[in-house]
């Protein structure tokens, strides 16, 4: 037997979630049901304010790694505020 669950969310969140679900060929109800099934199965829910690796972030890190390997765009080790100021003044 199916039942209805009413939830409150921001309009933009609902619209974005519906749009993404439609893109992958499922309904928003399917997304919510899958989330609930996962919660029941694992008895866990995960919240984090730590950014997750995205392709864009990995691309940025790749550029940084390349710069480090090539010795580009790297400041020297500075031990005092005077050294920092002198270094910045000479850029």
PDB file of N, CA and C in Angstrom:
ATOM      1  N   UNK A   1       0.842  -1.174   0.000  1.00  0.00           N
ATOM      2  CA  UNK A   1       0.000   0.000   0.000  1.00  0.00           C
ATOM      3  C   UNK A   1       0.893   1.246   0.000  1.00  0.00           C
ATOM      4  N   UNK A   2       0.597   2.168  -0.867  1.00  0.00           N
ATOM      5  CA  UNK A   2       1.361   3.408  -0.934  1.00  0.00           C
ATOM      6  C   UNK A   2       0.684   4.472  -0.087  1.00  0.00           C
ATOM      7  N   UNK A   3       1.517   5.316   0.521  1.00  0.00           N
ATOM      8  CA  UNK A   3       1.018   6.434   1.324  1.00  0.00           C
ATOM      9  C   UNK A   3       1.666   7.718   0.827  1.00  0.00           C
ATOM     10  N   UNK A   4       1.118   8.828   1.232  1.00  0.00           N
ATOM     11  CA  UNK A   4       1.639  10.132   0.834  1.00  0.00           C
ATOM     12  C   UNK A   4       2.375  10.735   2.019  1.00  0.00           C
ATOM     13  N   UNK A   5       3.571  11.254   1.754  1.00  0.00           N
ATOM     14  CA  UNK A   5       4.343  11.989   2.753  1.00  0.00           C
ATOM     15  C   UNK A   5       4.423  13.425   2.274  1.00  0.00           C
ATOM     16  N   UNK A   6       4.022  14.349   3.094  1.00  0.00           N
ATOM     17  CA  UNK A   6       4.132  15.771   2.746  1.00  0.00           C
ATOM     18  C   UNK A   6       5.377  16.338   3.412  1.00  0.00           C
ATOM     19  N   UNK A   7       6.201  16.994   2.624  1.00  0.00           N
ATOM     20  CA  UNK A   7       7.379  17.639   3.183  1.00  0.00           C
ATOM     21  C   UNK A   7       7.402  19.088   2.718  1.00  0.00           C
ATOM     22  N   UNK A   8       8.113  19.913   3.441  1.00  0.00           N
ATOM     23  CA  UNK A   8       8.295  21.301   3.046  1.00  0.00           C
ATOM     24  C   UNK A   8       9.744  21.500   2.646  1.00  0.00           C
ATOM     25  N   UNK A   9       9.926  22.129   1.506  1.00  0.00           N
ATOM     26  CA  UNK A   9      11.257  22.457   1.027  1.00  0.00           C
ATOM     27  C   UNK A   9      11.150  23.743   0.230  1.00  0.00           C
ATOM     28  N   UNK A  10      12.279  24.326  -0.056  1.00  0.00           N
ATOM     29  CA  UNK A  10      12.267  25.542  -0.851  1.00  0.00           C
ATOM     30  C   UNK A  10      11.915  25.205  -2.290  1.00  0.00           C
ATOM     31  N   UNK A  11      11.189  26.114  -2.941  1.00  0.00           N
ATOM     32  CA  UNK A  11      10.732  25.905  -4.309  1.00  0.00           C
ATOM     33  C   UNK A  11      11.898  25.601  -5.244  1.00  0.00           C
ATOM     34  N   UNK A  12      12.987  26.337  -5.111  1.00  0.00           N
ATOM     35  CA  UNK A  12      14.147  26.148  -5.987  1.00  0.00           C
ATOM     36  C   UNK A  12      14.751  24.754  -5.819  1.00  0.00           C
ATOM     37  N   UNK A  13      14.813  24.269  -4.591  1.00  0.00           N
ATOM     38  CA  UNK A  13      15.353  22.933  -4.334  1.00  0.00           C
ATOM     39  C   UNK A  13      14.486  21.888  -5.024  1.00  0.00           C
ATOM     40  N   UNK A  14      13.165  22.003  -4.869  1.00  0.00           N
ATOM     41  CA  UNK A  14      12.262  21.042  -5.500  1.00  0.00           C
ATOM     42  C   UNK A  14      12.412  21.072  -7.015  1.00  0.00           C
ATOM     43  N   UNK A  15      12.426  22.261  -7.584  1.00  0.00           N
ATOM     44  CA  UNK A  15      12.512  22.387  -9.040  1.00  0.00           C
ATOM     45  C   UNK A  15      13.838  21.834  -9.573  1.00  0.00           C
ATOM     46  N   UNK A  16      14.947  22.147  -8.896  1.00  0.00           N
ATOM     47  CA  UNK A  16      16.250  21.629  -9.324  1.00  0.00           C
ATOM     48  C   UNK A  16      16.306  20.113  -9.216  1.00  0.00           C
ATOM     49  N   UNK A  17      15.791  19.576  -8.110  1.00  0.00           N
ATOM     50  CA  UNK A  17      15.789  18.123  -7.921  1.00  0.00           C
ATOM     51  C   UNK A  17      14.911  17.441  -8.969  1.00  0.00           C
ATOM     52  N   UNK A  18      13.743  18.018  -9.260  1.00  0.00           N
ATOM     53  CA  UNK A  18      12.866  17.445 -10.283  1.00  0.00           C
ATOM     54  C   UNK A  18      13.541  17.463 -11.649  1.00  0.00           C
ATOM     55  N   UNK A  19      14.218  18.559 -11.951  1.00  0.00           N
ATOM     56  CA  UNK A  19      14.886  18.695 -13.243  1.00  0.00           C
ATOM     57  C   UNK A  19      15.983  17.643 -13.415  1.00  0.00           C
ATOM     58  N   UNK A  20      16.796  17.464 -12.385  1.00  0.00           N
ATOM     59  CA  UNK A  20      17.880  16.477 -12.452  1.00  0.00           C
ATOM     60  C   UNK A  20      17.308  15.059 -12.545  1.00  0.00           C
ATOM     61  N   UNK A  21      16.278  14.789 -11.753  1.00  0.00           N
ATOM     62  CA  UNK A  21      15.648  13.463 -11.798  1.00  0.00           C
ATOM     63  C   UNK A  21      15.101  13.186 -13.201  1.00  0.00           C
ATOM     64  N   UNK A  22      14.457  14.188 -13.784  1.00  0.00           N
ATOM     65  CA  UNK A  22      13.907  14.024 -15.135  1.00  0.00           C
ATOM     66  C   UNK A  22      15.020  13.752 -16.149  1.00  0.00           C
ATOM     67  N   UNK A  23      16.162  14.450 -15.992  1.00  0.00           N
ATOM     68  CA  UNK A  23      17.301  14.248 -16.898  1.00  0.00           C
ATOM     69  C   UNK A  23      17.784  12.796 -16.899  1.00  0.00           C
ATOM     70  N   UNK A  24      17.734  12.172 -15.728  1.00  0.00           N
ATOM     71  CA  UNK A  24      18.209  10.781 -15.659  1.00  0.00           C
ATOM     72  C   UNK A  24      17.068   9.766 -15.773  1.00  0.00           C
ATOM     73  N   UNK A  25      15.855  10.284 -16.048  1.00  0.00           N
ATOM     74  CA  UNK A  25      14.737   9.402 -16.359  1.00  0.00           C
ATOM     75  C   UNK A  25      13.986   8.825 -15.185  1.00  0.00           C
ATOM     76  N   UNK A  26      14.022   9.507 -14.058  1.00  0.00           N
ATOM     77  CA  UNK A  26      13.251   9.038 -12.904  1.00  0.00           C
ATOM     78  C   UNK A  26      12.443  10.207 -12.333  1.00  0.00           C
ATOM     79  N   UNK A  27      11.528   9.880 -11.438  1.00  0.00           N
ATOM     80  CA  UNK A  27      10.716  10.927 -10.807  1.00  0.00           C
ATOM     81  C   UNK A  27      11.346  11.370  -9.498  1.00  0.00           C
ATOM     82  N   UNK A  28      10.880  12.499  -9.013  1.00  0.00           N
ATOM     83  CA  UNK A  28      11.344  12.978  -7.714  1.00  0.00           C
ATOM     84  C   UNK A  28      10.926  11.997  -6.617  1.00  0.00           C
ATOM     85  N   UNK A  29       9.773  11.377  -6.773  1.00  0.00           N
ATOM     86  CA  UNK A  29       9.342  10.341  -5.815  1.00  0.00           C
ATOM     87  C   UNK A  29      10.335   9.189  -5.771  1.00  0.00           C
ATOM     88  N   UNK A  30      10.859   8.801  -6.945  1.00  0.00           N
ATOM     89  CA  UNK A  30      11.864   7.731  -6.989  1.00  0.00           C
ATOM     90  C   UNK A  30      13.121   8.133  -6.215  1.00  0.00           C
ATOM     91  N   UNK A  31      13.525   9.398  -6.358  1.00  0.00           N
ATOM     92  CA  UNK A  31      14.716   9.897  -5.648  1.00  0.00           C
ATOM     93  C   UNK A  31      14.495   9.826  -4.142  1.00  0.00           C
ATOM     94  N   UNK A  32      13.344  10.295  -3.709  1.00  0.00           N
ATOM     95  CA  UNK A  32      13.045  10.311  -2.268  1.00  0.00           C
ATOM     96  C   UNK A  32      12.922   8.888  -1.732  1.00  0.00           C
ATOM     97  N   UNK A  33      12.245   8.008  -2.483  1.00  0.00           N
ATOM     98  CA  UNK A  33      12.114   6.613  -2.052  1.00  0.00           C
ATOM     99  C   UNK A  33      13.466   5.927  -1.963  1.00  0.00           C
ATOM    100  N   UNK A  34      14.345   6.179  -2.930  1.00  0.00           N
ATOM    101  CA  UNK A  34      15.684   5.583  -2.881  1.00  0.00           C
ATOM    102  C   UNK A  34      16.445   6.071  -1.657  1.00  0.00           C
ATOM    103  N   UNK A  35      16.299   7.353  -1.350  1.00  0.00           N
ATOM    104  CA  UNK A  35      16.964   7.903  -0.167  1.00  0.00           C
ATOM    105  C   UNK A  35      16.423   7.261   1.105  1.00  0.00           C
ATOM    106  N   UNK A  36      15.120   7.101   1.180  1.00  0.00           N
ATOM    107  CA  UNK A  36      14.519   6.475   2.359  1.00  0.00           C
ATOM    108  C   UNK A  36      14.937   5.010   2.491  1.00  0.00           C
ATOM    109  N   UNK A  37      14.975   4.288   1.357  1.00  0.00           N
ATOM    110  CA  UNK A  37      15.408   2.884   1.405  1.00  0.00           C
ATOM    111  C   UNK A  37      16.851   2.769   1.890  1.00  0.00           C
ATOM    112  N   UNK A  38      17.696   3.669   1.397  1.00  0.00           N
ATOM    113  CA  UNK A  38      19.094   3.667   1.830  1.00  0.00           C
ATOM    114  C   UNK A  38      19.193   3.959   3.320  1.00  0.00           C
ATOM    115  N   UNK A  39      18.396   4.889   3.816  1.00  0.00           N
ATOM    116  CA  UNK A  39      18.384   5.220   5.240  1.00  0.00           C
ATOM    117  C   UNK A  39      17.957   4.008   6.067  1.00  0.00           C
ATOM    118  N   UNK A  40      16.945   3.292   5.608  1.00  0.00           N
ATOM    119  CA  UNK A  40      16.467   2.102   6.311  1.00  0.00           C
ATOM    120  C   UNK A  40      17.545   1.017   6.299  1.00  0.00           C
ATOM    121  N   UNK A  41      18.164   0.802   5.136  1.00  0.00           N
ATOM    122  CA  UNK A  41      19.168  -0.257   4.986  1.00  0.00           C
ATOM    123  C   UNK A  41      20.409   0.006   5.829  1.00  0.00           C
ATOM    124  N   UNK A  42      20.912   1.236   5.792  1.00  0.00           N
ATOM    125  CA  UNK A  42      22.177   1.545   6.472  1.00  0.00           C
ATOM    126  C   UNK A  42      21.995   2.106   7.872  1.00  0.00           C
ATOM    127  N   UNK A  43      20.790   2.572   8.156  1.00  0.00           N
ATOM    128  CA  UNK A  43      20.491   3.236   9.430  1.00  0.00           C
ATOM    129  C   UNK A  43      21.419   4.438   9.631  1.00  0.00           C
ATOM    130  N   UNK A  44      21.796   5.056   8.534  1.00  0.00           N
ATOM    131  CA  UNK A  44      22.702   6.194   8.579  1.00  0.00           C
ATOM    132  C   UNK A  44      22.164   7.317   7.706  1.00  0.00           C
ATOM    133  N   UNK A  45      22.502   8.507   8.102  1.00  0.00           N
ATOM    134  CA  UNK A  45      22.282   9.672   7.264  1.00  0.00           C
ATOM    135  C   UNK A  45      23.541  10.522   7.411  1.00  0.00           C
ATOM    136  N   UNK A  46      24.024  11.047   6.335  1.00  0.00           N
ATOM    137  CA  UNK A  46      25.313  11.717   6.341  1.00  0.00           C
ATOM    138  C   UNK A  46      25.132  13.184   5.957  1.00  0.00           C
ATOM    139  N   UNK A  47      25.610  14.063   6.821  1.00  0.00           N
ATOM    140  CA  UNK A  47      25.623  15.491   6.546  1.00  0.00           C
ATOM    141  C   UNK A  47      27.057  15.965   6.669  1.00  0.00           C
ATOM    142  N   UNK A  48      27.451  16.832   5.771  1.00  0.00           N
ATOM    143  CA  UNK A  48      28.812  17.345   5.828  1.00  0.00           C
ATOM    144  C   UNK A  48      28.859  18.736   5.236  1.00  0.00           C
ATOM    145  N   UNK A  49      29.669  19.588   5.832  1.00  0.00           N
ATOM    146  CA  UNK A  49      29.899  20.900   5.222  1.00  0.00           C
ATOM    147  C   UNK A  49      31.258  20.926   4.534  1.00  0.00           C
ATOM    148  N   UNK A  50      31.894  19.754   4.473  1.00  0.00           N
ATOM    149  CA  UNK A  50      33.171  19.625   3.790  1.00  0.00           C
ATOM    150  C   UNK A  50      32.922  19.494   2.294  1.00  0.00           C
ATOM    151  N   UNK A  51      33.563  20.322   1.509  1.00  0.00           N
ATOM    152  CA  UNK A  51      33.352  20.218   0.060  1.00  0.00           C
ATOM    153  C   UNK A  51      33.794  18.859  -0.471  1.00  0.00           C
ATOM    154  N   UNK A  52      33.032  18.338  -1.407  1.00  0.00           N
ATOM    155  CA  UNK A  52      33.382  17.072  -2.044  1.00  0.00           C
ATOM    156  C   UNK A  52      34.173  17.367  -3.304  1.00  0.00           C
ATOM    157  N   UNK A  53      34.992  16.415  -3.678  1.00  0.00           N
ATOM    158  CA  UNK A  53      35.763  16.578  -4.902  1.00  0.00           C
ATOM    159  C   UNK A  53      34.814  16.601  -6.099  1.00  0.00           C
ATOM    160  N   UNK A  54      34.925  17.635  -6.882  1.00  0.00           N
ATOM    161  CA  UNK A  54      34.163  17.744  -8.113  1.00  0.00           C
ATOM    162  C   UNK A  54      35.155  17.751  -9.269  1.00  0.00           C
ATOM    163  N   UNK A  55      34.695  17.474 -10.463  1.00  0.00           N
ATOM    164  CA  UNK A  55      35.622  17.534 -11.605  1.00  0.00           C
ATOM    165  C   UNK A  55      36.294  18.907 -11.738  1.00  0.00           C
ATOM    166  N   UNK A  56      35.545  19.963 -11.454  1.00  0.00           N
ATOM    167  CA  UNK A  56      36.120  21.305 -11.536  1.00  0.00           C
ATOM    168  C   UNK A  56      37.232  21.496 -10.503  1.00  0.00           C
ATOM    169  N   UNK A  57      36.988  21.000  -9.277  1.00  0.00           N
ATOM    170  CA  UNK A  57      37.976  21.130  -8.216  1.00  0.00           C
ATOM    171  C   UNK A  57      39.215  20.287  -8.529  1.00  0.00           C
ATOM    172  N   UNK A  58      38.999  19.087  -9.066  1.00  0.00           N
ATOM    173  CA  UNK A  58      40.128  18.235  -9.450  1.00  0.00           C
ATOM    174  C   UNK A  58      40.971  18.899 -10.537  1.00  0.00           C
ATOM    175  N   UNK A  59      40.314  19.609 -11.448  1.00  0.00           N
ATOM    176  CA  UNK A  59      41.035  20.322 -12.510  1.00  0.00           C
ATOM    177  C   UNK A  59      41.918  21.418 -11.916  1.00  0.00           C
ATOM    178  N   UNK A  60      41.369  22.151 -10.954  1.00  0.00           N
ATOM    179  CA  UNK A  60      42.147  23.205 -10.282  1.00  0.00           C
ATOM    180  C   UNK A  60      43.343  22.602  -9.561  1.00  0.00           C
ATOM    181  N   UNK A  61      43.101  21.505  -8.844  1.00  0.00           N
ATOM    182  CA  UNK A  61      44.195  20.851  -8.125  1.00  0.00           C
ATOM    183  C   UNK A  61      45.255  20.330  -9.083  1.00  0.00           C
ATOM    184  N   UNK A  62      44.813  19.865 -10.250  1.00  0.00           N
ATOM    185  CA  UNK A  62      45.764  19.395 -11.254  1.00  0.00           C
ATOM    186  C   UNK A  62      46.688  20.513 -11.716  1.00  0.00           C
ATOM    187  N   UNK A  63      46.131  21.702 -11.909  1.00  0.00           N
ATOM    188  CA  UNK A  63      46.944  22.857 -12.311  1.00  0.00           C
ATOM    189  C   UNK A  63      47.936  23.221 -11.209  1.00  0.00           C
ATOM    190  N   UNK A  64      47.471  23.174  -9.969  1.00  0.00           N
ATOM    191  CA  UNK A  64      48.348  23.492  -8.834  1.00  0.00           C
ATOM    192  C   UNK A  64      49.478  22.475  -8.749  1.00  0.00           C
ATOM    193  N   UNK A  65      49.134  21.202  -8.890  1.00  0.00           N
ATOM    194  CA  UNK A  65      50.145  20.143  -8.841  1.00  0.00           C
ATOM    195  C   UNK A  65      51.179  20.331  -9.948  1.00  0.00           C
ATOM    196  N   UNK A  66      50.722  20.687 -11.142  1.00  0.00           N
ATOM    197  CA  UNK A  66      51.623  20.927 -12.267  1.00  0.00           C
ATOM    198  C   UNK A  66      52.561  22.093 -11.960  1.00  0.00           C
ATOM    199  N   UNK A  67      52.019  23.179 -11.393  1.00  0.00           N
ATOM    200  CA  UNK A  67      52.838  24.332 -11.021  1.00  0.00           C
ATOM    201  C   UNK A  67      53.903  23.952  -9.992  1.00  0.00           C
ATOM    202  N   UNK A  68      53.523  23.143  -9.028  1.00  0.00           N
ATOM    203  CA  UNK A  68      54.477  22.722  -7.993  1.00  0.00           C
ATOM    204  C   UNK A  68      55.607  21.917  -8.630  1.00  0.00           C
ATOM    205  N   UNK A  69      55.251  20.975  -9.502  1.00  0.00           N
ATOM    206  CA  UNK A  69      56.269  20.143 -10.151  1.00  0.00           C
ATOM    207  C   UNK A  69      57.201  20.973 -11.029  1.00  0.00           C
ATOM    208  N   UNK A  70      56.653  22.034 -11.650  1.00  0.00           N
ATOM    209  CA  UNK A  70      57.459  22.887 -12.523  1.00  0.00           C
ATOM    210  C   UNK A  70      58.129  24.043 -11.775  1.00  0.00           C
ATOM    211  N   UNK A  71      57.811  24.169 -10.483  1.00  0.00           N
ATOM    212  CA  UNK A  71      58.400  25.246  -9.683  1.00  0.00           C
ATOM    213  C   UNK A  71      57.866  26.617 -10.033  1.00  0.00           C
ATOM    214  N   UNK A  72      56.658  26.680 -10.576  1.00  0.00           N
ATOM    215  CA  UNK A  72      56.044  27.951 -10.961  1.00  0.00           C
ATOM    216  C   UNK A  72      55.067  28.417  -9.886  1.00  0.00           C
ATOM    217  N   UNK A  73      54.918  29.740  -9.799  1.00  0.00           N
ATOM    218  CA  UNK A  73      53.905  30.355  -8.924  1.00  0.00           C
ATOM    219  C   UNK A  73      54.013  29.903  -7.472  1.00  0.00           C
ATOM    220  N   UNK A  74      55.231  29.742  -7.004  1.00  0.00           N
ATOM    221  CA  UNK A  74      55.450  29.296  -5.626  1.00  0.00           C
ATOM    222  C   UNK A  74      56.312  30.326  -4.922  1.00  0.00           C
ATOM    223  N   UNK A  75      55.850  30.769  -3.769  1.00  0.00           N
ATOM    224  CA  UNK A  75      56.637  31.731  -3.009  1.00  0.00           C
ATOM    225  C   UNK A  75      57.659  30.996  -2.150  1.00  0.00           C
ATOM    226  N   UNK A  76      58.725  31.679  -1.780  1.00  0.00           N
ATOM    227  CA  UNK A  76      59.716  31.036  -0.907  1.00  0.00           C
ATOM    228  C   UNK A  76      59.191  30.935   0.527  1.00  0.00           C
ATOM    229  N   UNK A  77      59.878  30.156   1.331  1.00  0.00           N
ATOM    230  CA  UNK A  77      59.538  30.057   2.744  1.00  0.00           C
ATOM    231  C   UNK A  77      59.896  31.382   3.401  1.00  0.00           C
ATOM    232  N   UNK A  78      58.938  31.961   4.107  1.00  0.00           N
ATOM    233  CA  UNK A  78      59.142  33.249   4.767  1.00  0.00           C
ATOM    234  C   UNK A  78      58.931  33.073   6.262  1.00  0.00           C
ATOM    235  N   UNK A  79      59.859  33.607   7.059  1.00  0.00           N
ATOM    236  CA  UNK A  79      59.835  33.345   8.496  1.00  0.00           C
ATOM    237  C   UNK A  79      59.369  34.512   9.354  1.00  0.00           C
ATOM    238  N   UNK A  80      59.254  35.686   8.764  1.00  0.00           N
ATOM    239  CA  UNK A  80      58.844  36.831   9.577  1.00  0.00           C
ATOM    240  C   UNK A  80      57.945  37.742   8.760  1.00  0.00           C
ATOM    241  N   UNK A  81      57.258  38.608   9.455  1.00  0.00           N
ATOM    242  CA  UNK A  81      56.385  39.545   8.754  1.00  0.00           C
ATOM    243  C   UNK A  81      57.200  40.497   7.884  1.00  0.00           C
ATOM    244  N   UNK A  82      58.413  40.824   8.318  1.00  0.00           N
ATOM    245  CA  UNK A  82      59.272  41.681   7.504  1.00  0.00           C
ATOM    246  C   UNK A  82      59.618  40.990   6.190  1.00  0.00           C
ATOM    247  N   UNK A  83      59.948  39.697   6.248  1.00  0.00           N
ATOM    248  CA  UNK A  83      60.244  38.956   5.030  1.00  0.00           C
ATOM    249  C   UNK A  83      59.028  38.910   4.110  1.00  0.00           C
ATOM    250  N   UNK A  84      57.863  38.746   4.692  1.00  0.00           N
ATOM    251  CA  UNK A  84      56.633  38.721   3.902  1.00  0.00           C
ATOM    252  C   UNK A  84      56.430  40.067   3.206  1.00  0.00           C
ATOM    253  N   UNK A  85      56.545  41.131   3.983  1.00  0.00           N
ATOM    254  CA  UNK A  85      56.362  42.470   3.415  1.00  0.00           C
ATOM    255  C   UNK A  85      57.380  42.758   2.319  1.00  0.00           C
ATOM    256  N   UNK A  86      58.648  42.411   2.565  1.00  0.00           N
ATOM    257  CA  UNK A  86      59.696  42.633   1.563  1.00  0.00           C
ATOM    258  C   UNK A  86      59.399  41.823   0.299  1.00  0.00           C
ATOM    259  N   UNK A  87      58.985  40.578   0.480  1.00  0.00           N
ATOM    260  CA  UNK A  87      58.689  39.733  -0.664  1.00  0.00           C
ATOM    261  C   UNK A  87      57.537  40.325  -1.486  1.00  0.00           C
ATOM    262  N   UNK A  88      56.466  40.726  -0.795  1.00  0.00           N
ATOM    263  CA  UNK A  88      55.314  41.291  -1.489  1.00  0.00           C
ATOM    264  C   UNK A  88      55.637  42.620  -2.170  1.00  0.00           C
ATOM    265  N   UNK A  89      56.473  43.424  -1.527  1.00  0.00           N
ATOM    266  CA  UNK A  89      56.865  44.700  -2.121  1.00  0.00           C
ATOM    267  C   UNK A  89      57.668  44.503  -3.406  1.00  0.00           C
ATOM    268  N   UNK A  90      58.385  43.383  -3.511  1.00  0.00           N
ATOM    269  CA  UNK A  90      59.238  43.145  -4.680  1.00  0.00           C
ATOM    270  C   UNK A  90      58.541  42.372  -5.807  1.00  0.00           C
ATOM    271  N   UNK A  91      57.283  42.067  -5.623  1.00  0.00           N
ATOM    272  CA  UNK A  91      56.564  41.337  -6.690  1.00  0.00           C
ATOM    273  C   UNK A  91      56.294  42.235  -7.878  1.00  0.00           C
TER     274      UNK A  91
END
